[in-house]
């Protein structure tokens, strides 16, 4: 099994977290809430930040670590960023879109959530290209 940089894994996870704060905050937060049919008050109701953010962080670590297995050690910046964007767009976003089509969710929501993962995985690739 190839060695995976734990530094790159952690950096990738933190970058994804920071992107999520921007993406679902000032960039697309209001539109995302409208598309899922929730208000700020509804989102805050019974919200446990430790559980939600803790689980999200662990899931981000898993995704980043496995991406590191995929690209291997020292993958190079261009390759890892393109591989990340490809994984986010072609694997994650298309998988979400498949479910969303059957759930009859909007194309806007597919774009918001799928776009987040495309950029997130490009950032994961960036971390492995720079550090991994």
N, C-alpha and C. Protein backbone atom coordinates (compact mmCIF):
# COMPACT_ATOMS: atom_id res chain seq x y z
N UNK A 1 0.85 -1.18 0.00
CA UNK A 1 0.00 0.00 0.00
C UNK A 1 0.89 1.23 0.00
N UNK A 2 0.60 2.21 -0.87
CA UNK A 2 1.43 3.41 -0.91
C UNK A 2 1.28 4.25 0.35
N UNK A 3 2.35 4.95 0.69
CA UNK A 3 2.31 5.86 1.83
C UNK A 3 1.46 7.07 1.48
N UNK A 4 0.64 7.49 2.42
CA UNK A 4 -0.20 8.67 2.23
C UNK A 4 0.27 9.73 3.21
N UNK A 5 0.50 10.92 2.71
CA UNK A 5 0.93 12.03 3.55
C UNK A 5 -0.19 12.45 4.49
N UNK A 6 0.06 12.30 5.77
CA UNK A 6 -0.94 12.73 6.75
C UNK A 6 -1.05 14.24 6.79
N UNK A 7 0.06 14.93 6.50
CA UNK A 7 0.02 16.40 6.42
C UNK A 7 -0.89 16.85 5.29
N UNK A 8 -0.74 16.23 4.11
CA UNK A 8 -1.60 16.56 2.98
C UNK A 8 -3.05 16.20 3.28
N UNK A 9 -3.26 15.07 3.93
CA UNK A 9 -4.61 14.65 4.30
C UNK A 9 -5.27 15.68 5.21
N UNK A 10 -4.54 16.13 6.20
CA UNK A 10 -5.09 17.12 7.13
C UNK A 10 -5.31 18.46 6.43
N UNK A 11 -4.34 18.90 5.63
CA UNK A 11 -4.50 20.16 4.88
C UNK A 11 -5.70 20.09 3.95
N UNK A 12 -5.86 18.98 3.25
CA UNK A 12 -6.98 18.81 2.33
C UNK A 12 -8.30 18.89 3.07
N UNK A 13 -8.36 18.28 4.24
CA UNK A 13 -9.59 18.29 5.03
C UNK A 13 -9.92 19.71 5.49
N UNK A 14 -8.92 20.43 5.94
CA UNK A 14 -9.13 21.81 6.40
C UNK A 14 -9.55 22.70 5.23
N UNK A 15 -8.93 22.51 4.06
CA UNK A 15 -9.32 23.30 2.88
C UNK A 15 -10.78 23.03 2.50
N UNK A 16 -11.20 21.77 2.56
CA UNK A 16 -12.59 21.44 2.27
C UNK A 16 -13.55 22.08 3.26
N UNK A 17 -13.14 22.10 4.52
CA UNK A 17 -13.95 22.72 5.57
C UNK A 17 -14.09 24.22 5.31
N UNK A 18 -12.98 24.87 4.99
CA UNK A 18 -13.00 26.31 4.72
C UNK A 18 -13.85 26.61 3.49
N UNK A 19 -13.72 25.80 2.45
CA UNK A 19 -14.55 25.98 1.27
C UNK A 19 -16.03 25.85 1.62
N UNK A 20 -16.37 24.86 2.42
CA UNK A 20 -17.76 24.67 2.82
C UNK A 20 -18.33 25.88 3.53
N UNK A 21 -17.51 26.49 4.39
CA UNK A 21 -17.96 27.69 5.11
C UNK A 21 -18.27 28.82 4.13
N UNK A 22 -17.44 28.96 3.11
CA UNK A 22 -17.68 30.01 2.10
C UNK A 22 -18.81 29.63 1.16
N UNK A 23 -18.79 28.40 0.68
CA UNK A 23 -19.74 27.95 -0.34
C UNK A 23 -21.17 27.99 0.17
N UNK A 24 -21.36 27.40 1.38
CA UNK A 24 -22.70 27.33 1.94
C UNK A 24 -22.99 28.49 2.88
N UNK A 25 -22.10 29.47 2.90
CA UNK A 25 -22.30 30.71 3.63
C UNK A 25 -22.54 31.84 2.65
N UNK A 26 -21.57 32.74 2.52
CA UNK A 26 -21.80 33.93 1.69
C UNK A 26 -21.98 33.66 0.20
N UNK A 27 -21.38 32.61 -0.35
CA UNK A 27 -21.47 32.41 -1.80
C UNK A 27 -22.84 31.88 -2.23
N UNK A 28 -23.27 30.77 -1.66
CA UNK A 28 -24.51 30.13 -2.11
C UNK A 28 -25.47 29.75 -0.98
N UNK A 29 -25.18 30.20 0.24
CA UNK A 29 -25.98 29.79 1.39
C UNK A 29 -27.46 30.09 1.27
N UNK A 30 -27.80 31.31 0.89
CA UNK A 30 -29.22 31.68 0.78
C UNK A 30 -29.92 30.87 -0.30
N UNK A 31 -29.27 30.71 -1.43
CA UNK A 31 -29.88 29.95 -2.53
C UNK A 31 -30.00 28.47 -2.17
N UNK A 32 -28.96 27.93 -1.50
CA UNK A 32 -28.99 26.53 -1.08
C UNK A 32 -30.15 26.30 -0.10
N UNK A 33 -30.32 27.20 0.87
CA UNK A 33 -31.43 27.06 1.83
C UNK A 33 -32.77 27.10 1.11
N UNK A 34 -32.91 27.99 0.15
CA UNK A 34 -34.17 28.06 -0.61
C UNK A 34 -34.41 26.77 -1.38
N UNK A 35 -33.36 26.21 -1.96
CA UNK A 35 -33.50 24.98 -2.76
C UNK A 35 -33.83 23.76 -1.91
N UNK A 36 -33.34 23.72 -0.67
CA UNK A 36 -33.68 22.59 0.21
C UNK A 36 -34.92 22.88 1.05
N UNK A 37 -35.45 24.10 0.90
CA UNK A 37 -36.69 24.45 1.59
C UNK A 37 -36.54 24.64 3.08
N UNK A 38 -35.42 25.22 3.50
CA UNK A 38 -35.20 25.43 4.92
C UNK A 38 -34.80 26.88 5.19
N UNK A 39 -35.15 27.35 6.36
CA UNK A 39 -34.74 28.68 6.81
C UNK A 39 -33.57 28.53 7.77
N UNK A 40 -32.96 29.65 8.09
CA UNK A 40 -31.86 29.64 9.06
C UNK A 40 -32.35 29.06 10.38
N UNK A 41 -33.54 29.46 10.81
CA UNK A 41 -34.09 28.96 12.08
C UNK A 41 -34.29 27.44 12.04
N UNK A 42 -34.77 26.94 10.91
CA UNK A 42 -34.97 25.48 10.79
C UNK A 42 -33.63 24.74 10.81
N UNK A 43 -32.63 25.31 10.19
CA UNK A 43 -31.31 24.69 10.18
C UNK A 43 -30.69 24.67 11.57
N UNK A 44 -30.97 25.69 12.35
CA UNK A 44 -30.40 25.78 13.70
C UNK A 44 -31.14 24.93 14.72
N UNK A 45 -32.39 24.59 14.42
CA UNK A 45 -33.19 23.82 15.37
C UNK A 45 -32.57 22.44 15.57
N UNK A 46 -32.32 22.08 16.83
CA UNK A 46 -31.75 20.80 17.21
C UNK A 46 -30.39 20.54 16.56
N UNK A 47 -29.69 21.60 16.16
CA UNK A 47 -28.37 21.47 15.55
C UNK A 47 -27.32 21.24 16.62
N UNK A 48 -26.53 20.21 16.47
CA UNK A 48 -25.44 19.92 17.39
C UNK A 48 -24.14 20.13 16.63
N UNK A 49 -23.48 21.28 16.83
CA UNK A 49 -22.28 21.57 16.05
C UNK A 49 -21.16 20.55 16.26
N UNK A 50 -20.99 20.07 17.49
CA UNK A 50 -19.91 19.11 17.75
C UNK A 50 -20.12 17.83 16.94
N UNK A 51 -21.34 17.34 16.93
CA UNK A 51 -21.64 16.12 16.19
C UNK A 51 -21.53 16.36 14.68
N UNK A 52 -22.17 17.40 14.20
CA UNK A 52 -22.20 17.66 12.76
C UNK A 52 -20.82 17.98 12.22
N UNK A 53 -20.14 18.94 12.83
CA UNK A 53 -18.83 19.33 12.33
C UNK A 53 -17.79 18.25 12.60
N UNK A 54 -17.92 17.56 13.74
CA UNK A 54 -16.99 16.46 14.04
C UNK A 54 -17.12 15.34 13.02
N UNK A 55 -18.35 14.93 12.74
CA UNK A 55 -18.56 13.86 11.75
C UNK A 55 -18.13 14.31 10.36
N UNK A 56 -18.42 15.56 10.02
CA UNK A 56 -18.02 16.10 8.73
C UNK A 56 -16.50 16.10 8.59
N UNK A 57 -15.81 16.46 9.67
CA UNK A 57 -14.35 16.47 9.63
C UNK A 57 -13.81 15.06 9.43
N UNK A 58 -14.35 14.09 10.14
CA UNK A 58 -13.90 12.70 9.99
C UNK A 58 -14.18 12.20 8.56
N UNK A 59 -15.35 12.51 8.03
CA UNK A 59 -15.67 12.12 6.65
C UNK A 59 -14.71 12.78 5.66
N UNK A 60 -14.36 14.04 5.93
CA UNK A 60 -13.40 14.73 5.09
C UNK A 60 -12.02 14.09 5.15
N UNK A 61 -11.62 13.66 6.34
CA UNK A 61 -10.35 12.95 6.48
C UNK A 61 -10.35 11.66 5.67
N UNK A 62 -11.44 10.92 5.74
CA UNK A 62 -11.54 9.66 4.99
C UNK A 62 -11.43 9.93 3.49
N UNK A 63 -12.21 10.89 2.99
CA UNK A 63 -12.19 11.21 1.56
C UNK A 63 -10.79 11.66 1.13
N UNK A 64 -10.17 12.51 1.93
CA UNK A 64 -8.84 13.02 1.59
C UNK A 64 -7.80 11.91 1.62
N UNK A 65 -7.84 11.07 2.64
CA UNK A 65 -6.87 9.98 2.75
C UNK A 65 -6.99 9.02 1.56
N UNK A 66 -8.21 8.65 1.23
CA UNK A 66 -8.41 7.72 0.11
C UNK A 66 -8.00 8.38 -1.21
N UNK A 67 -8.23 9.68 -1.35
CA UNK A 67 -7.74 10.37 -2.53
C UNK A 67 -6.22 10.27 -2.58
N UNK A 68 -5.56 10.40 -1.43
CA UNK A 68 -4.11 10.25 -1.37
C UNK A 68 -3.66 8.86 -1.80
N UNK A 69 -4.44 7.83 -1.47
CA UNK A 69 -4.14 6.49 -1.96
C UNK A 69 -4.26 6.43 -3.48
N UNK A 70 -5.24 7.12 -4.01
CA UNK A 70 -5.50 7.13 -5.45
C UNK A 70 -4.35 7.78 -6.22
N UNK A 71 -3.89 8.96 -5.77
CA UNK A 71 -2.84 9.66 -6.52
C UNK A 71 -1.45 9.18 -6.18
N UNK A 72 -1.28 8.55 -5.02
CA UNK A 72 0.03 8.05 -4.63
C UNK A 72 0.95 9.16 -4.15
N UNK A 73 2.15 8.77 -3.72
CA UNK A 73 3.09 9.76 -3.18
C UNK A 73 3.68 10.64 -4.29
N UNK A 74 3.85 11.93 -3.98
CA UNK A 74 4.45 12.88 -4.91
C UNK A 74 3.79 12.93 -6.27
N UNK A 75 2.47 13.16 -6.33
CA UNK A 75 1.77 13.04 -7.61
C UNK A 75 2.01 14.19 -8.59
N UNK A 76 2.54 15.29 -8.14
CA UNK A 76 2.70 16.45 -9.01
C UNK A 76 1.46 17.32 -8.93
N UNK A 77 1.68 18.61 -8.98
CA UNK A 77 0.60 19.57 -8.76
C UNK A 77 -0.49 19.50 -9.84
N UNK A 78 -0.09 19.57 -11.10
CA UNK A 78 -1.09 19.60 -12.17
C UNK A 78 -1.93 18.32 -12.17
N UNK A 79 -1.27 17.18 -12.08
CA UNK A 79 -2.00 15.92 -12.08
C UNK A 79 -2.98 15.83 -10.92
N UNK A 80 -2.53 16.17 -9.73
CA UNK A 80 -3.39 15.99 -8.56
C UNK A 80 -4.57 16.95 -8.55
N UNK A 81 -4.37 18.19 -9.03
CA UNK A 81 -5.50 19.13 -9.09
C UNK A 81 -6.52 18.68 -10.14
N UNK A 82 -6.03 18.27 -11.32
CA UNK A 82 -6.94 17.80 -12.37
C UNK A 82 -7.64 16.51 -11.93
N UNK A 83 -6.91 15.61 -11.30
CA UNK A 83 -7.52 14.38 -10.80
C UNK A 83 -8.57 14.69 -9.74
N UNK A 84 -8.29 15.66 -8.88
CA UNK A 84 -9.26 16.05 -7.86
C UNK A 84 -10.51 16.65 -8.46
N UNK A 85 -10.32 17.58 -9.39
CA UNK A 85 -11.48 18.19 -10.05
C UNK A 85 -12.28 17.13 -10.79
N UNK A 86 -11.58 16.21 -11.44
CA UNK A 86 -12.27 15.13 -12.17
C UNK A 86 -13.04 14.22 -11.23
N UNK A 87 -12.43 13.88 -10.11
CA UNK A 87 -13.12 13.02 -9.13
C UNK A 87 -14.36 13.73 -8.58
N UNK A 88 -14.21 15.01 -8.24
CA UNK A 88 -15.33 15.76 -7.69
C UNK A 88 -16.46 15.94 -8.69
N UNK A 89 -16.09 16.24 -9.92
CA UNK A 89 -17.10 16.49 -10.95
C UNK A 89 -17.66 15.20 -11.52
N UNK A 90 -16.78 14.28 -11.88
CA UNK A 90 -17.23 13.10 -12.63
C UNK A 90 -17.66 11.93 -11.75
N UNK A 91 -17.18 11.85 -10.52
CA UNK A 91 -17.61 10.78 -9.63
C UNK A 91 -18.64 11.28 -8.62
N UNK A 92 -18.28 12.31 -7.88
CA UNK A 92 -19.17 12.76 -6.79
C UNK A 92 -20.38 13.51 -7.34
N UNK A 93 -20.15 14.54 -8.16
CA UNK A 93 -21.27 15.35 -8.65
C UNK A 93 -22.23 14.53 -9.51
N UNK A 94 -21.71 13.64 -10.34
CA UNK A 94 -22.61 12.82 -11.15
C UNK A 94 -23.39 11.83 -10.30
N UNK A 95 -22.79 11.36 -9.23
CA UNK A 95 -23.51 10.46 -8.31
C UNK A 95 -24.63 11.20 -7.60
N UNK A 96 -24.32 12.42 -7.13
CA UNK A 96 -25.37 13.23 -6.51
C UNK A 96 -26.48 13.52 -7.51
N UNK A 97 -26.10 13.89 -8.74
CA UNK A 97 -27.08 14.23 -9.77
C UNK A 97 -28.00 13.05 -10.06
N UNK A 98 -27.45 11.85 -10.07
CA UNK A 98 -28.28 10.66 -10.31
C UNK A 98 -29.37 10.55 -9.25
N UNK A 99 -28.99 10.70 -7.99
CA UNK A 99 -29.98 10.64 -6.92
C UNK A 99 -30.97 11.80 -7.01
N UNK A 100 -30.45 12.99 -7.25
CA UNK A 100 -31.29 14.17 -7.29
C UNK A 100 -32.32 14.11 -8.41
N UNK A 101 -31.95 13.53 -9.54
CA UNK A 101 -32.91 13.41 -10.64
C UNK A 101 -34.10 12.54 -10.23
N UNK A 102 -33.83 11.43 -9.56
CA UNK A 102 -34.93 10.57 -9.11
C UNK A 102 -35.71 11.20 -7.97
N UNK A 103 -35.05 12.01 -7.16
CA UNK A 103 -35.72 12.71 -6.07
C UNK A 103 -36.42 13.98 -6.55
N UNK A 104 -36.28 14.28 -7.82
CA UNK A 104 -36.87 15.46 -8.47
C UNK A 104 -36.42 16.76 -7.81
N UNK A 105 -35.14 16.79 -7.47
CA UNK A 105 -34.56 18.02 -6.94
C UNK A 105 -34.15 18.91 -8.11
N UNK A 106 -33.93 20.17 -7.82
CA UNK A 106 -33.68 21.14 -8.87
C UNK A 106 -32.26 21.03 -9.44
N UNK A 107 -32.14 21.49 -10.67
CA UNK A 107 -30.82 21.57 -11.31
C UNK A 107 -29.93 22.56 -10.56
N UNK A 108 -30.53 23.56 -9.95
CA UNK A 108 -29.75 24.53 -9.18
C UNK A 108 -29.09 23.82 -7.99
N UNK A 109 -29.83 22.97 -7.30
CA UNK A 109 -29.26 22.25 -6.16
C UNK A 109 -28.16 21.30 -6.62
N UNK A 110 -28.36 20.65 -7.75
CA UNK A 110 -27.31 19.79 -8.31
C UNK A 110 -26.06 20.64 -8.57
N UNK A 111 -26.25 21.82 -9.13
CA UNK A 111 -25.12 22.70 -9.40
C UNK A 111 -24.41 23.17 -8.14
N UNK A 112 -25.18 23.53 -7.13
CA UNK A 112 -24.58 24.01 -5.88
C UNK A 112 -23.80 22.90 -5.20
N UNK A 113 -24.45 21.77 -4.96
CA UNK A 113 -23.78 20.69 -4.24
C UNK A 113 -22.71 20.00 -5.08
N UNK A 114 -23.01 19.76 -6.36
CA UNK A 114 -22.02 19.16 -7.24
C UNK A 114 -20.82 20.07 -7.44
N UNK A 115 -21.08 21.36 -7.60
CA UNK A 115 -20.00 22.32 -7.76
C UNK A 115 -19.10 22.38 -6.55
N UNK A 116 -19.72 22.31 -5.37
CA UNK A 116 -18.92 22.29 -4.14
C UNK A 116 -17.94 21.13 -4.16
N UNK A 117 -18.41 19.96 -4.49
CA UNK A 117 -17.53 18.78 -4.47
C UNK A 117 -16.48 18.82 -5.57
N UNK A 118 -16.81 19.39 -6.70
CA UNK A 118 -15.80 19.54 -7.77
C UNK A 118 -14.66 20.45 -7.29
N UNK A 119 -15.01 21.57 -6.68
CA UNK A 119 -13.99 22.48 -6.18
C UNK A 119 -13.28 21.88 -4.97
N UNK A 120 -14.05 21.23 -4.09
CA UNK A 120 -13.46 20.61 -2.89
C UNK A 120 -12.40 19.59 -3.27
N UNK A 121 -12.72 18.72 -4.22
CA UNK A 121 -11.74 17.71 -4.60
C UNK A 121 -10.56 18.31 -5.37
N UNK A 122 -10.78 19.40 -6.08
CA UNK A 122 -9.64 20.10 -6.69
C UNK A 122 -8.72 20.63 -5.60
N UNK A 123 -9.29 21.13 -4.50
CA UNK A 123 -8.49 21.59 -3.37
C UNK A 123 -7.79 20.42 -2.68
N UNK A 124 -8.46 19.30 -2.58
CA UNK A 124 -7.82 18.11 -2.02
C UNK A 124 -6.61 17.75 -2.90
N UNK A 125 -6.82 17.79 -4.22
CA UNK A 125 -5.71 17.55 -5.13
C UNK A 125 -4.60 18.56 -4.96
N UNK A 126 -4.96 19.83 -4.75
CA UNK A 126 -3.97 20.87 -4.51
C UNK A 126 -3.11 20.53 -3.31
N UNK A 127 -3.75 20.11 -2.22
CA UNK A 127 -3.02 19.76 -1.00
C UNK A 127 -2.04 18.62 -1.28
N UNK A 128 -2.48 17.60 -2.00
CA UNK A 128 -1.57 16.48 -2.27
C UNK A 128 -0.51 16.85 -3.29
N UNK A 129 -0.82 17.75 -4.20
CA UNK A 129 0.18 18.22 -5.15
C UNK A 129 1.26 19.06 -4.50
N UNK A 130 0.87 19.83 -3.47
CA UNK A 130 1.84 20.70 -2.79
C UNK A 130 2.62 19.98 -1.69
N UNK A 131 1.94 19.10 -0.95
CA UNK A 131 2.54 18.51 0.25
C UNK A 131 2.77 17.01 0.11
N UNK A 132 1.89 16.34 -0.64
CA UNK A 132 1.87 14.88 -0.66
C UNK A 132 2.94 14.27 -1.47
